[in-house]
Amino acid sequence: MTNTKLQALIIEDEPLAAEMLIEFCSDKVEVITIARDYEQALRSIKNFRPDLLFLDIELPYGKTGFDVLEAVDPQVECFPLSAPRAAIYIV
């Protein structure tokens, strides 16, 4: 049995929060990229097709993490995991 790590996309506009997520989950997942806003998030989801999304709800430029979720393929299951001032969605 191989220990293949899940590939994750971090959608977070605060660099320190993104680095903390990487540190927290680095033994379980491989972070393939970090998106800083809605547009980068959609491009990264399309290009990399990650197993996991670590999703900040409060994004810049008038879009939210919920807008990202609405744009994700409706066939993809999303499981919300919430924490103070952050939410993590596994897709």
C-alpha atoms as a PDB file:
ATOM      1  CA  MET A   1       0.000   0.000   0.000  1.00  0.00           C
ATOM      2  CA  THR A   2       1.449   3.363  -1.002  1.00  0.00           C
ATOM      3  CA  ASN A   3       1.323   6.466   1.142  1.00  0.00           C
ATOM      4  CA  THR A   4       0.207   8.836  -1.581  1.00  0.00           C
ATOM      5  CA  LYS A   5      -0.580  12.260  -0.197  1.00  0.00           C
ATOM      6  CA  LEU A   6      -3.749  14.035  -1.229  1.00  0.00           C
ATOM      7  CA  GLN A   7      -3.166  17.137  -3.329  1.00  0.00           C
ATOM      8  CA  ALA A   8      -4.485  20.334  -1.792  1.00  0.00           C
ATOM      9  CA  LEU A   9      -5.187  23.840  -2.999  1.00  0.00           C
ATOM     10  CA  ILE A  10      -5.090  26.623  -0.419  1.00  0.00           C
ATOM     11  CA  ILE A  11      -7.364  29.564  -1.205  1.00  0.00           C
ATOM     12  CA  GLU A  12      -6.238  32.222   1.253  1.00  0.00           C
ATOM     13  CA  ASP A  13      -5.340  35.883   0.787  1.00  0.00           C
ATOM     14  CA  GLU A  14      -3.325  36.192   4.021  1.00  0.00           C
ATOM     15  CA  PRO A  15       0.193  34.745   3.516  1.00  0.00           C
ATOM     16  CA  LEU A  16       0.696  33.932   7.220  1.00  0.00           C
ATOM     17  CA  ALA A  17      -2.574  31.968   7.384  1.00  0.00           C
ATOM     18  CA  ALA A  18      -1.613  30.047   4.224  1.00  0.00           C
ATOM     19  CA  GLU A  19       1.803  29.198   5.696  1.00  0.00           C
ATOM     20  CA  MET A  20       0.162  28.013   8.925  1.00  0.00           C
ATOM     21  CA  LEU A  21      -2.122  25.707   6.945  1.00  0.00           C
ATOM     22  CA  ILE A  22       0.837  24.289   5.050  1.00  0.00           C
ATOM     23  CA  GLU A  23       2.686  23.652   8.311  1.00  0.00           C
ATOM     24  CA  PHE A  24      -0.372  22.117   9.954  1.00  0.00           C
ATOM     25  CA  CYS A  25      -1.179  19.610   7.235  1.00  0.00           C
ATOM     26  CA  SER A  26       2.149  18.975   5.495  1.00  0.00           C
ATOM     27  CA  ASP A  27       2.451  15.404   6.781  1.00  0.00           C
ATOM     28  CA  LYS A  28      -0.923  14.434   5.288  1.00  0.00           C
ATOM     29  CA  VAL A  29      -1.283  16.491   2.108  1.00  0.00           C
ATOM     30  CA  GLU A  30       0.834  17.980  -0.640  1.00  0.00           C
ATOM     31  CA  VAL A  31      -0.010  21.619  -1.223  1.00  0.00           C
ATOM     32  CA  ILE A  32       0.096  22.074  -4.978  1.00  0.00           C
ATOM     33  CA  THR A  33      -0.553  25.813  -5.063  1.00  0.00           C
ATOM     34  CA  ILE A  34      -1.922  28.798  -3.173  1.00  0.00           C
ATOM     35  CA  ALA A  35      -4.603  31.024  -4.698  1.00  0.00           C
ATOM     36  CA  ARG A  36      -5.012  34.517  -3.251  1.00  0.00           C
ATOM     37  CA  ASP A  37      -8.425  35.422  -4.677  1.00  0.00           C
ATOM     38  CA  TYR A  38     -11.527  34.138  -6.466  1.00  0.00           C
ATOM     39  CA  GLU A  39     -10.111  34.307 -10.011  1.00  0.00           C
ATOM     40  CA  GLN A  40      -6.864  32.559  -9.053  1.00  0.00           C
ATOM     41  CA  ALA A  41      -8.899  29.935  -7.187  1.00  0.00           C
ATOM     42  CA  LEU A  42     -11.031  29.077 -10.221  1.00  0.00           C
ATOM     43  CA  ARG A  43      -7.981  28.872 -12.505  1.00  0.00           C
ATOM     44  CA  SER A  44      -6.138  26.677 -10.016  1.00  0.00           C
ATOM     45  CA  ILE A  45      -9.095  24.344  -9.506  1.00  0.00           C
ATOM     46  CA  LYS A  46      -9.410  23.939 -13.281  1.00  0.00           C
ATOM     47  CA  ASN A  47      -5.667  23.489 -13.889  1.00  0.00           C
ATOM     48  CA  PHE A  48      -4.688  21.311 -10.936  1.00  0.00           C
ATOM     49  CA  ARG A  49      -7.931  19.460 -10.016  1.00  0.00           C
ATOM     50  CA  PRO A  50      -6.978  19.165  -6.328  1.00  0.00           C
ATOM     51  CA  ASP A  51      -8.315  16.523  -3.954  1.00  0.00           C
ATOM     52  CA  LEU A  52      -8.795  19.100  -1.177  1.00  0.00           C
ATOM     53  CA  LEU A  53      -9.641  22.774  -0.934  1.00  0.00           C
ATOM     54  CA  PHE A  54      -8.591  24.759   2.106  1.00  0.00           C
ATOM     55  CA  LEU A  55     -10.888  27.707   1.609  1.00  0.00           C
ATOM     56  CA  ASP A  56     -10.916  31.137   3.231  1.00  0.00           C
ATOM     57  CA  ILE A  57     -14.467  32.484   3.285  1.00  0.00           C
ATOM     58  CA  GLU A  58     -13.440  36.176   3.271  1.00  0.00           C
ATOM     59  CA  LEU A  59     -11.668  36.815  -0.028  1.00  0.00           C
ATOM     60  CA  PRO A  60     -10.666  40.162  -1.571  1.00  0.00           C
ATOM     61  CA  TYR A  61     -12.293  41.997  -4.486  1.00  0.00           C
ATOM     62  CA  GLY A  62     -15.933  41.414  -3.522  1.00  0.00           C
ATOM     63  CA  LYS A  63     -16.003  37.622  -3.865  1.00  0.00           C
ATOM     64  CA  THR A  64     -16.237  35.077  -1.056  1.00  0.00           C
ATOM     65  CA  GLY A  65     -15.336  31.471  -0.494  1.00  0.00           C
ATOM     66  CA  PHE A  66     -19.016  30.687  -0.981  1.00  0.00           C
ATOM     67  CA  ASP A  67     -18.745  32.138  -4.497  1.00  0.00           C
ATOM     68  CA  VAL A  68     -15.873  29.712  -5.140  1.00  0.00           C
ATOM     69  CA  LEU A  69     -18.025  26.814  -3.927  1.00  0.00           C
ATOM     70  CA  GLU A  70     -20.878  27.834  -6.225  1.00  0.00           C
ATOM     71  CA  ALA A  71     -18.474  27.787  -9.176  1.00  0.00           C
ATOM     72  CA  VAL A  72     -17.144  24.286  -8.378  1.00  0.00           C
ATOM     73  CA  ASP A  73     -18.638  21.416 -10.373  1.00  0.00           C
ATOM     74  CA  PRO A  74     -21.913  20.476  -8.629  1.00  0.00           C
ATOM     75  CA  GLN A  75     -21.008  16.795  -9.009  1.00  0.00           C
ATOM     76  CA  VAL A  76     -18.138  17.279  -6.559  1.00  0.00           C
ATOM     77  CA  GLU A  77     -19.042  16.532  -2.957  1.00  0.00           C
ATOM     78  CA  CYS A  78     -18.097  19.216  -0.445  1.00  0.00           C
ATOM     79  CA  PHE A  79     -17.783  18.560   3.267  1.00  0.00           C
ATOM     80  CA  PRO A  80     -17.568  21.769   5.311  1.00  0.00           C
ATOM     81  CA  LEU A  81     -15.253  21.823   8.317  1.00  0.00           C
ATOM     82  CA  SER A  82     -15.482  25.101  10.167  1.00  0.00           C
ATOM     83  CA  ALA A  83     -13.177  26.924  12.544  1.00  0.00           C
ATOM     84  CA  PRO A  84     -13.166  30.495  13.896  1.00  0.00           C
ATOM     85  CA  ARG A  85     -12.660  32.943  11.016  1.00  0.00           C
ATOM     86  CA  ALA A  86     -11.899  30.131   8.570  1.00  0.00           C
ATOM     87  CA  ALA A  87     -13.534  27.199   6.869  1.00  0.00           C
ATOM     88  CA  ILE A  88     -12.022  24.185   5.207  1.00  0.00           C
ATOM     89  CA  TYR A  89     -13.873  22.352   2.465  1.00  0.00           C
ATOM     90  CA  ILE A  90     -12.886  18.910   1.304  1.00  0.00           C
ATOM     91  CA  VAL A  91     -13.905  18.168  -2.277  1.00  0.00           C
END
